[in-house]
Amino acid sequence: MTVATLTGVVAWSDTDASGRYHYTAAYRWAENAEHALYRSVDPQIDIGRFPRRATSAVYEQPLAAGDEYTVELDVERVGTSSIAYAWTVSGATGVCVRGKHTVVHVDQQGMAARLPDAIRAQLGDGEGLGVA
């Protein structure tokens, strides 16, 4: 289920010496979509309580500075304390990156903690969100 969609333009600072987007930019864009999702559910949420457990990405097409992109963030699984996301970054010619990451909600001591009820309710409703 798509829970967040984010659009943007590749900034010069998102590119490397080849003039194409740097591989880390796709992770930042996906993370921005994830954070927009959390803030849409609870504007006061402590985003720092969702560290990454695992990440992966496959790069299929380049993007250059000035190119428009769209990130679609999907939920693959919601656990007791974790969420597994799958995401794509698309440009004018189709999918550029396919990625995944898993986050674990942690308490103040950094130990795994139950996901906030508001997040669990939003991700479990089957409706998804359009987050801009």
Protein backbone atom coordinates (compact mmCIF):
# COMPACT_ATOMS: atom_id res chain seq x y z
CA MET A 1 0.00 0.00 0.00
CA THR A 2 1.42 3.40 -0.97
CA VAL A 3 1.48 5.55 2.15
CA ALA A 4 3.41 8.58 0.91
CA THR A 5 4.26 10.25 -2.37
CA LEU A 6 6.84 13.00 -2.61
CA THR A 7 7.99 14.98 -5.65
CA GLY A 8 11.10 17.05 -6.13
CA VAL A 9 13.82 18.27 -8.45
CA VAL A 10 17.36 16.88 -8.38
CA ALA A 11 19.58 19.57 -6.87
CA TRP A 12 23.15 20.13 -8.04
CA SER A 13 24.27 19.02 -4.55
CA ASP A 14 22.48 15.67 -5.15
CA THR A 15 24.87 14.84 -8.02
CA ASP A 16 28.39 13.44 -8.18
CA ALA A 17 31.31 14.17 -10.53
CA SER A 18 29.53 12.34 -13.37
CA GLY A 19 26.63 14.82 -13.22
CA ARG A 20 24.21 12.06 -12.19
CA TYR A 21 22.48 11.80 -8.83
CA HIS A 22 24.69 10.39 -6.10
CA TYR A 23 23.45 7.05 -4.80
CA THR A 24 22.84 8.48 -1.32
CA ALA A 25 20.38 11.06 -2.69
CA ALA A 26 17.76 8.36 -3.33
CA TYR A 27 17.93 7.33 0.34
CA ARG A 28 17.46 10.95 1.46
CA TRP A 29 14.45 11.37 -0.85
CA ALA A 30 12.85 8.15 0.44
CA GLU A 31 13.58 9.22 4.01
CA ASN A 32 11.94 12.60 3.36
CA ALA A 33 8.79 10.80 2.19
CA GLU A 34 8.87 8.61 5.31
CA HIS A 35 9.27 11.64 7.58
CA ALA A 36 6.41 13.44 5.82
CA LEU A 37 4.25 10.39 6.55
CA TYR A 38 5.10 10.47 10.26
CA ARG A 39 4.51 14.23 10.52
CA SER A 40 1.13 13.89 8.76
CA VAL A 41 0.06 11.41 11.44
CA ASP A 42 1.55 13.33 14.39
CA PRO A 43 3.24 16.71 13.80
CA GLN A 44 5.03 16.40 17.19
CA ILE A 45 6.44 12.90 16.57
CA ASP A 46 10.08 12.31 17.47
CA ILE A 47 11.41 11.22 14.08
CA GLY A 48 14.71 10.28 15.72
CA ARG A 49 12.97 7.27 17.28
CA PHE A 50 12.88 5.35 13.96
CA PRO A 51 16.48 4.29 13.18
CA ARG A 52 17.26 2.08 10.20
CA ARG A 53 17.71 -1.66 10.71
CA ALA A 54 18.37 -2.59 7.08
CA THR A 55 18.55 -0.86 3.68
CA SER A 56 19.00 -1.84 0.05
CA ALA A 57 18.65 -0.21 -3.34
CA VAL A 58 18.96 -1.08 -7.02
CA TYR A 59 19.79 1.75 -9.43
CA GLU A 60 18.19 1.40 -12.86
CA GLN A 61 18.40 4.81 -14.58
CA PRO A 62 20.26 8.06 -13.97
CA LEU A 63 18.81 11.42 -13.05
CA ALA A 64 20.67 14.72 -13.53
CA ALA A 65 20.49 18.10 -11.80
CA GLY A 66 17.21 19.77 -12.73
CA ASP A 67 15.35 16.49 -13.43
CA GLU A 68 12.04 16.01 -11.66
CA TYR A 69 11.50 12.87 -9.60
CA THR A 70 8.70 11.20 -7.65
CA VAL A 71 9.14 8.94 -4.63
CA GLU A 72 6.44 6.41 -3.81
CA LEU A 73 6.76 4.86 -0.36
CA ASP A 74 4.94 1.57 0.25
CA VAL A 75 4.54 -0.50 3.40
CA GLU A 76 5.59 -4.12 3.08
CA ARG A 77 5.11 -5.16 6.69
CA VAL A 78 4.14 -3.67 10.04
CA GLY A 79 5.47 -5.50 13.07
CA THR A 80 5.19 -4.81 16.77
CA SER A 81 8.11 -2.36 16.78
CA SER A 82 9.20 -2.25 13.13
CA ILE A 83 8.02 -1.18 9.70
CA ALA A 84 9.41 -2.52 6.42
CA TYR A 85 9.12 -0.09 3.52
CA ALA A 86 9.63 -0.54 -0.22
CA TRP A 87 10.04 2.53 -2.41
CA THR A 88 10.66 3.69 -5.93
CA VAL A 89 12.16 6.86 -7.32
CA SER A 90 10.82 7.60 -10.80
CA GLY A 91 11.76 10.21 -13.37
CA ALA A 92 10.41 11.19 -16.77
CA THR A 93 11.61 7.91 -18.33
CA GLY A 94 10.36 5.54 -15.62
CA VAL A 95 11.71 3.91 -12.47
CA CYS A 96 15.23 5.03 -11.59
CA VAL A 97 15.69 3.37 -8.19
CA ARG A 98 13.97 0.54 -6.33
CA GLY A 99 14.75 0.46 -2.63
CA LYS A 100 13.79 -1.01 0.70
CA HIS A 101 14.44 -0.10 4.29
CA THR A 102 13.28 -1.32 7.66
CA VAL A 103 12.95 0.94 10.70
CA VAL A 104 12.60 -0.01 14.35
CA HIS A 105 10.80 2.27 16.78
CA VAL A 106 12.95 2.74 19.89
CA ASP A 107 12.40 4.18 23.37
CA GLN A 108 14.57 6.82 25.08
CA GLN A 109 17.17 4.19 25.94
CA GLY A 110 17.40 3.02 22.32
CA MET A 111 15.61 -0.27 22.92
CA ALA A 112 12.91 -1.58 20.56
CA ALA A 113 9.49 -0.27 21.59
CA ARG A 114 5.94 -0.77 20.36
CA LEU A 115 5.03 1.45 17.40
CA PRO A 116 2.91 4.48 18.33
CA ASP A 117 -0.81 3.69 18.08
CA ALA A 118 -1.43 6.57 15.64
CA ILE A 119 1.21 5.21 13.21
CA ARG A 120 -0.10 1.66 13.57
CA ALA A 121 -3.68 2.84 12.92
CA GLN A 122 -2.68 4.85 9.84
CA LEU A 123 -0.61 2.09 8.29
CA GLY A 124 -3.21 -0.54 9.04
CA ASP A 125 -6.24 1.22 7.57
CA GLY A 126 -5.59 0.20 3.96
CA GLU A 127 -6.27 3.71 2.68
CA GLY A 128 -2.75 5.11 2.38
CA LEU A 129 -1.83 8.78 2.34
CA GLY A 130 -0.93 11.24 -0.35
CA VAL A 131 1.78 13.26 1.37
CA ALA A 132 3.22 16.19 -0.54
